[in-house]
Amino acid sequence: MKLVLAVVQDKDTNRLTSALGEGNFQSTKLASTGGFLKEGNTTLMIGCKDENVDRVLDIIKENCSNREQMVAPISPMGGNADSYIPNPVKVEVGGATVFVLPIESFFQF
């Protein structure tokens, strides 16, 4: 058995959980926050049999898309922030960061 941890952008969460449900995969949703953009994201915990890991990964790939987003950079450290007017920059957001972990035992009470 495996535990798939998928960190996805909030915008992709509903579509992904629906697709997982259609594939008969249960998931537990945890709210989390990204470190770089400080935006909300969701961590999904998905338990599945070893032979189903590839299908779960396919569902994640199909439902979590990369896209570009304009963000304002953070003001420089130690400088006068009043005179600093940042130009927005494009960054790639979305997609998924996925970890697949072995599960030694599983209990459901």
C-alpha atoms as a PDB file:
ATOM      1  CA  MET A   1       0.000   0.000   0.000  1.00  0.00           C
ATOM      2  CA  LYS A   2       1.113   3.558  -0.740  1.00  0.00           C
ATOM      3  CA  LEU A   3       0.291   7.017   0.561  1.00  0.00           C
ATOM      4  CA  VAL A   4       0.249   9.669  -2.147  1.00  0.00           C
ATOM      5  CA  LEU A   5       0.711  13.213  -0.831  1.00  0.00           C
ATOM      6  CA  ALA A   6      -0.210  15.776  -3.481  1.00  0.00           C
ATOM      7  CA  VAL A   7       0.296  19.495  -2.873  1.00  0.00           C
ATOM      8  CA  VAL A   8      -1.885  21.387  -5.365  1.00  0.00           C
ATOM      9  CA  GLN A   9      -3.025  24.956  -5.883  1.00  0.00           C
ATOM     10  CA  ASP A  10      -6.418  25.753  -4.365  1.00  0.00           C
ATOM     11  CA  LYS A  11      -7.846  26.485  -7.833  1.00  0.00           C
ATOM     12  CA  ASP A  12      -7.268  22.845  -8.850  1.00  0.00           C
ATOM     13  CA  THR A  13      -8.542  21.197  -5.662  1.00  0.00           C
ATOM     14  CA  ASN A  14     -12.255  20.781  -6.459  1.00  0.00           C
ATOM     15  CA  ARG A  15     -11.601  19.436  -9.952  1.00  0.00           C
ATOM     16  CA  LEU A  16      -8.994  16.990  -8.631  1.00  0.00           C
ATOM     17  CA  THR A  17     -11.076  15.685  -5.715  1.00  0.00           C
ATOM     18  CA  SER A  18     -14.038  15.145  -8.050  1.00  0.00           C
ATOM     19  CA  ALA A  19     -11.875  13.208 -10.517  1.00  0.00           C
ATOM     20  CA  LEU A  20     -10.390  11.107  -7.715  1.00  0.00           C
ATOM     21  CA  GLY A  21     -13.900  10.317  -6.476  1.00  0.00           C
ATOM     22  CA  GLU A  22     -14.965   9.243  -9.959  1.00  0.00           C
ATOM     23  CA  GLY A  23     -11.976   6.898  -9.988  1.00  0.00           C
ATOM     24  CA  ASN A  24     -13.077   5.452  -6.607  1.00  0.00           C
ATOM     25  CA  PHE A  25     -10.110   6.955  -4.749  1.00  0.00           C
ATOM     26  CA  GLN A  26     -10.752   8.518  -1.372  1.00  0.00           C
ATOM     27  CA  SER A  27      -8.704  11.476  -0.218  1.00  0.00           C
ATOM     28  CA  THR A  28      -8.256  13.606   2.865  1.00  0.00           C
ATOM     29  CA  LYS A  29      -7.879  17.327   2.245  1.00  0.00           C
ATOM     30  CA  LEU A  30      -5.552  19.496   4.350  1.00  0.00           C
ATOM     31  CA  ALA A  31      -5.288  23.276   3.989  1.00  0.00           C
ATOM     32  CA  SER A  32      -1.693  24.426   3.611  1.00  0.00           C
ATOM     33  CA  THR A  33       0.259  27.518   2.572  1.00  0.00           C
ATOM     34  CA  GLY A  34       3.058  27.758   0.043  1.00  0.00           C
ATOM     35  CA  GLY A  35       6.388  29.224   1.016  1.00  0.00           C
ATOM     36  CA  PHE A  36       7.276  31.193  -2.123  1.00  0.00           C
ATOM     37  CA  LEU A  37       4.066  33.029  -3.027  1.00  0.00           C
ATOM     38  CA  LYS A  38       2.515  32.700   0.449  1.00  0.00           C
ATOM     39  CA  GLU A  39      -0.732  31.609  -1.217  1.00  0.00           C
ATOM     40  CA  GLY A  40      -3.119  28.934  -0.099  1.00  0.00           C
ATOM     41  CA  ASN A  41      -2.800  25.466  -1.455  1.00  0.00           C
ATOM     42  CA  THR A  42      -4.174  22.074  -0.566  1.00  0.00           C
ATOM     43  CA  THR A  43      -2.407  18.904   0.444  1.00  0.00           C
ATOM     44  CA  LEU A  44      -4.332  15.757  -0.433  1.00  0.00           C
ATOM     45  CA  MET A  45      -3.568  12.449   1.271  1.00  0.00           C
ATOM     46  CA  ILE A  46      -4.581   9.524  -0.932  1.00  0.00           C
ATOM     47  CA  GLY A  47      -4.144   5.933   0.197  1.00  0.00           C
ATOM     48  CA  CYS A  48      -4.092   3.324  -2.564  1.00  0.00           C
ATOM     49  CA  LYS A  49      -2.836  -0.123  -3.474  1.00  0.00           C
ATOM     50  CA  ASP A  50       0.570  -0.330  -5.148  1.00  0.00           C
ATOM     51  CA  GLU A  51      -0.959  -1.242  -8.501  1.00  0.00           C
ATOM     52  CA  ASN A  52      -3.161   1.898  -8.468  1.00  0.00           C
ATOM     53  CA  VAL A  53      -0.404   4.475  -7.943  1.00  0.00           C
ATOM     54  CA  ASP A  54       0.063   5.116 -11.673  1.00  0.00           C
ATOM     55  CA  ARG A  55      -3.674   5.729 -12.129  1.00  0.00           C
ATOM     56  CA  VAL A  56      -3.717   8.185  -9.200  1.00  0.00           C
ATOM     57  CA  LEU A  57      -0.716  10.015 -10.669  1.00  0.00           C
ATOM     58  CA  ASP A  58      -2.450  10.189 -14.068  1.00  0.00           C
ATOM     59  CA  ILE A  59      -5.553  11.733 -12.457  1.00  0.00           C
ATOM     60  CA  ILE A  60      -3.394  14.315 -10.698  1.00  0.00           C
ATOM     61  CA  LYS A  61      -1.559  15.187 -13.948  1.00  0.00           C
ATOM     62  CA  GLU A  62      -4.845  15.520 -15.852  1.00  0.00           C
ATOM     63  CA  ASN A  63      -6.413  17.866 -13.307  1.00  0.00           C
ATOM     64  CA  CYS A  64      -3.591  20.108 -12.078  1.00  0.00           C
ATOM     65  CA  SER A  65      -2.435  22.489 -14.768  1.00  0.00           C
ATOM     66  CA  ASN A  66       0.509  24.890 -14.819  1.00  0.00           C
ATOM     67  CA  ARG A  67      -0.287  28.518 -15.596  1.00  0.00           C
ATOM     68  CA  GLU A  68       1.440  31.888 -15.433  1.00  0.00           C
ATOM     69  CA  GLN A  69       0.465  34.499 -12.871  1.00  0.00           C
ATOM     70  CA  MET A  70       1.615  38.080 -12.365  1.00  0.00           C
ATOM     71  CA  VAL A  71       2.944  38.810  -8.863  1.00  0.00           C
ATOM     72  CA  ALA A  72       4.534  41.852  -7.264  1.00  0.00           C
ATOM     73  CA  PRO A  73       7.997  41.128  -5.863  1.00  0.00           C
ATOM     74  CA  ILE A  74       8.688  41.741  -2.178  1.00  0.00           C
ATOM     75  CA  SER A  75      10.494  44.995  -1.344  1.00  0.00           C
ATOM     76  CA  PRO A  76      14.266  44.695  -0.828  1.00  0.00           C
ATOM     77  CA  MET A  77      15.602  44.161   2.683  1.00  0.00           C
ATOM     78  CA  GLY A  78      17.134  47.206   4.372  1.00  0.00           C
ATOM     79  CA  GLY A  79      16.127  49.668   1.649  1.00  0.00           C
ATOM     80  CA  ASN A  80      13.665  52.497   1.807  1.00  0.00           C
ATOM     81  CA  ALA A  81      10.368  50.804   0.901  1.00  0.00           C
ATOM     82  CA  ASP A  82       8.657  54.177   0.220  1.00  0.00           C
ATOM     83  CA  SER A  83      10.650  54.738  -2.962  1.00  0.00           C
ATOM     84  CA  TYR A  84      10.549  51.115  -4.129  1.00  0.00           C
ATOM     85  CA  ILE A  85       7.833  50.489  -6.738  1.00  0.00           C
ATOM     86  CA  PRO A  86       8.056  46.875  -7.839  1.00  0.00           C
ATOM     87  CA  ASN A  87       7.191  45.815 -11.356  1.00  0.00           C
ATOM     88  CA  PRO A  88       5.001  42.720 -11.461  1.00  0.00           C
ATOM     89  CA  VAL A  89       6.741  39.616 -12.754  1.00  0.00           C
ATOM     90  CA  LYS A  90       5.345  36.450 -14.319  1.00  0.00           C
ATOM     91  CA  VAL A  91       5.777  33.242 -12.356  1.00  0.00           C
ATOM     92  CA  GLU A  92       4.579  29.732 -13.105  1.00  0.00           C
ATOM     93  CA  VAL A  93       1.994  28.452 -10.623  1.00  0.00           C
ATOM     94  CA  GLY A  94      -0.189  25.391 -10.421  1.00  0.00           C
ATOM     95  CA  GLY A  95       0.690  21.836 -11.205  1.00  0.00           C
ATOM     96  CA  ALA A  96       1.322  19.494  -8.311  1.00  0.00           C
ATOM     97  CA  THR A  97       4.120  18.388  -6.060  1.00  0.00           C
ATOM     98  CA  VAL A  98       3.621  14.705  -5.303  1.00  0.00           C
ATOM     99  CA  PHE A  99       5.236  12.345  -2.812  1.00  0.00           C
ATOM    100  CA  VAL A 100       4.604   8.583  -2.855  1.00  0.00           C
ATOM    101  CA  LEU A 101       5.347   6.896   0.456  1.00  0.00           C
ATOM    102  CA  PRO A 102       5.253   3.228   1.446  1.00  0.00           C
ATOM    103  CA  ILE A 103       2.680   2.321   4.089  1.00  0.00           C
ATOM    104  CA  GLU A 104       3.590  -0.408   6.549  1.00  0.00           C
ATOM    105  CA  SER A 105       0.077  -0.774   7.929  1.00  0.00           C
ATOM    106  CA  PHE A 106      -3.338   0.865   7.597  1.00  0.00           C
ATOM    107  CA  PHE A 107      -6.230   0.929  10.055  1.00  0.00           C
ATOM    108  CA  GLN A 108      -9.699   2.373   9.691  1.00  0.00           C
ATOM    109  CA  PHE A 109     -11.912   2.459  12.777  1.00  0.00           C
END
